[in-house]
Protein backbone atom coordinates (compact mmCIF):
# COMPACT_ATOMS: atom_id res chain seq x y z
CA MET A 1 113.79 92.32 120.06
CA LYS A 2 113.51 94.72 122.99
CA LYS A 3 110.18 94.77 124.84
CA ILE A 4 108.61 98.16 125.58
CA GLU A 5 108.00 98.66 129.29
CA TYR A 6 104.76 100.47 130.05
CA THR A 7 102.03 100.97 132.60
CA GLY A 8 98.39 101.73 131.87
CA THR A 9 97.15 102.79 128.47
CA VAL A 10 99.17 102.92 125.26
CA TYR A 11 97.80 105.70 123.03
CA VAL A 12 98.14 105.28 119.27
CA LEU A 13 97.65 108.70 117.72
CA ASP A 14 95.48 108.31 114.63
CA HIS A 15 95.32 111.19 112.19
CA LYS A 16 92.88 109.41 109.84
CA TYR A 17 95.36 106.80 108.64
CA PRO A 18 94.20 103.86 106.48
CA GLU A 19 93.10 100.67 108.23
CA PRO A 20 96.05 98.54 106.95
CA LEU A 21 98.52 100.95 108.60
CA LEU A 22 96.66 100.94 111.93
CA SER A 23 96.29 97.14 111.90
CA HIS A 24 100.00 96.75 111.18
CA THR A 25 100.80 99.24 113.96
CA ILE A 26 98.86 97.16 116.49
CA ARG A 27 100.57 93.98 115.28
CA LYS A 28 104.03 95.58 115.63
CA LEU A 29 103.25 96.89 119.12
CA GLN A 30 102.19 93.39 120.17
CA GLU A 31 105.55 92.08 118.92
CA PHE A 32 107.19 94.54 121.33
CA GLY A 33 105.19 93.23 124.30
CA ILE A 34 102.21 95.57 124.39
CA LYS A 35 98.87 93.87 124.99
CA LYS A 36 96.11 94.65 122.50
CA GLU A 37 93.62 95.38 125.29
CA ASN A 38 95.90 98.18 126.57
CA ILE A 39 95.98 99.98 123.20
CA THR A 40 93.65 102.92 122.59
CA ILE A 41 93.48 104.48 119.11
CA THR A 42 92.67 108.18 119.38
CA ASP A 43 93.45 111.54 117.81
CA SER A 44 94.06 113.04 121.28
CA PRO A 45 94.49 111.16 124.57
CA GLU A 46 91.91 111.93 127.25
CA ASN A 47 93.33 112.25 130.76
CA PRO A 48 96.86 111.08 129.93
CA GLU A 49 98.99 110.09 132.90
CA ILE A 50 102.72 110.21 133.48
CA GLY A 51 104.21 106.93 132.29
CA ASN A 52 101.63 106.24 129.58
CA ILE A 53 103.06 105.41 126.17
CA VAL A 54 102.21 107.52 123.12
CA VAL A 55 102.74 106.11 119.61
CA GLU A 56 102.98 108.60 116.74
CA VAL A 57 102.16 106.75 113.52
CA PHE A 58 103.88 107.51 110.22
CA PRO A 59 103.64 105.44 107.01
CA TYR A 60 107.17 104.02 107.38
CA HIS A 61 107.87 104.15 111.12
CA LEU A 62 106.39 104.45 114.60
CA ASP A 63 107.75 106.92 117.16
CA ILE A 64 107.34 105.52 120.66
CA ALA A 65 107.41 108.01 123.55
CA SER A 66 106.60 108.06 127.26
CA ILE A 67 104.55 110.85 128.84
CA ARG A 68 106.83 112.76 131.23
CA THR A 69 104.69 115.78 132.21
CA VAL A 70 100.98 116.63 132.06
CA ARG A 71 99.77 120.25 132.18
CA ASN A 72 96.29 121.61 131.44
CA ALA A 73 95.23 118.47 129.52
CA SER A 74 98.41 118.66 127.41
CA PHE A 75 101.40 116.39 127.75
CA ILE A 76 105.13 116.42 127.13
CA SER A 77 106.69 113.14 126.09
CA GLY A 78 110.21 111.84 125.67
CA SER A 79 111.24 109.48 122.90
CA ILE A 80 111.88 105.84 123.79
CA THR A 81 112.49 104.25 120.40
CA THR A 82 111.53 104.21 116.72
CA ILE A 83 110.14 101.11 115.03
CA GLU A 84 110.68 100.87 111.28
CA LEU A 85 107.79 99.60 109.14
CA LYS A 86 108.90 97.75 106.01
CA THR A 87 106.90 97.52 102.79
CA ASP A 88 107.30 95.74 99.49
CA ALA A 89 107.33 97.53 96.13
CA THR A 90 103.53 97.73 96.10
CA GLY A 91 103.31 99.32 99.54
CA LYS A 92 102.12 96.20 101.40
CA TYR A 93 103.60 95.83 104.89
CA ILE A 94 105.96 92.85 105.02
CA ASP A 95 107.50 92.84 108.50
């Protein structure tokens, strides 16, 4: 399993997802070498910096990106990897 290299804060973008999905997201990020204390769950990062990691959460995968440019409190990020989230037939996360 490849570790994600990062500096500073890792932003998990939460668009009002259910708690089981967010908890599983944090668990998966820890498997990829991200420390829990460096993870911030937010709907919009405040003061993002170049090099910060942004995680876009979807029910069946996580898109991991690195912030490349910051302009006027907005950021442009480039994709690093996608992490698949596996569920059983009932929708419970199993990986």
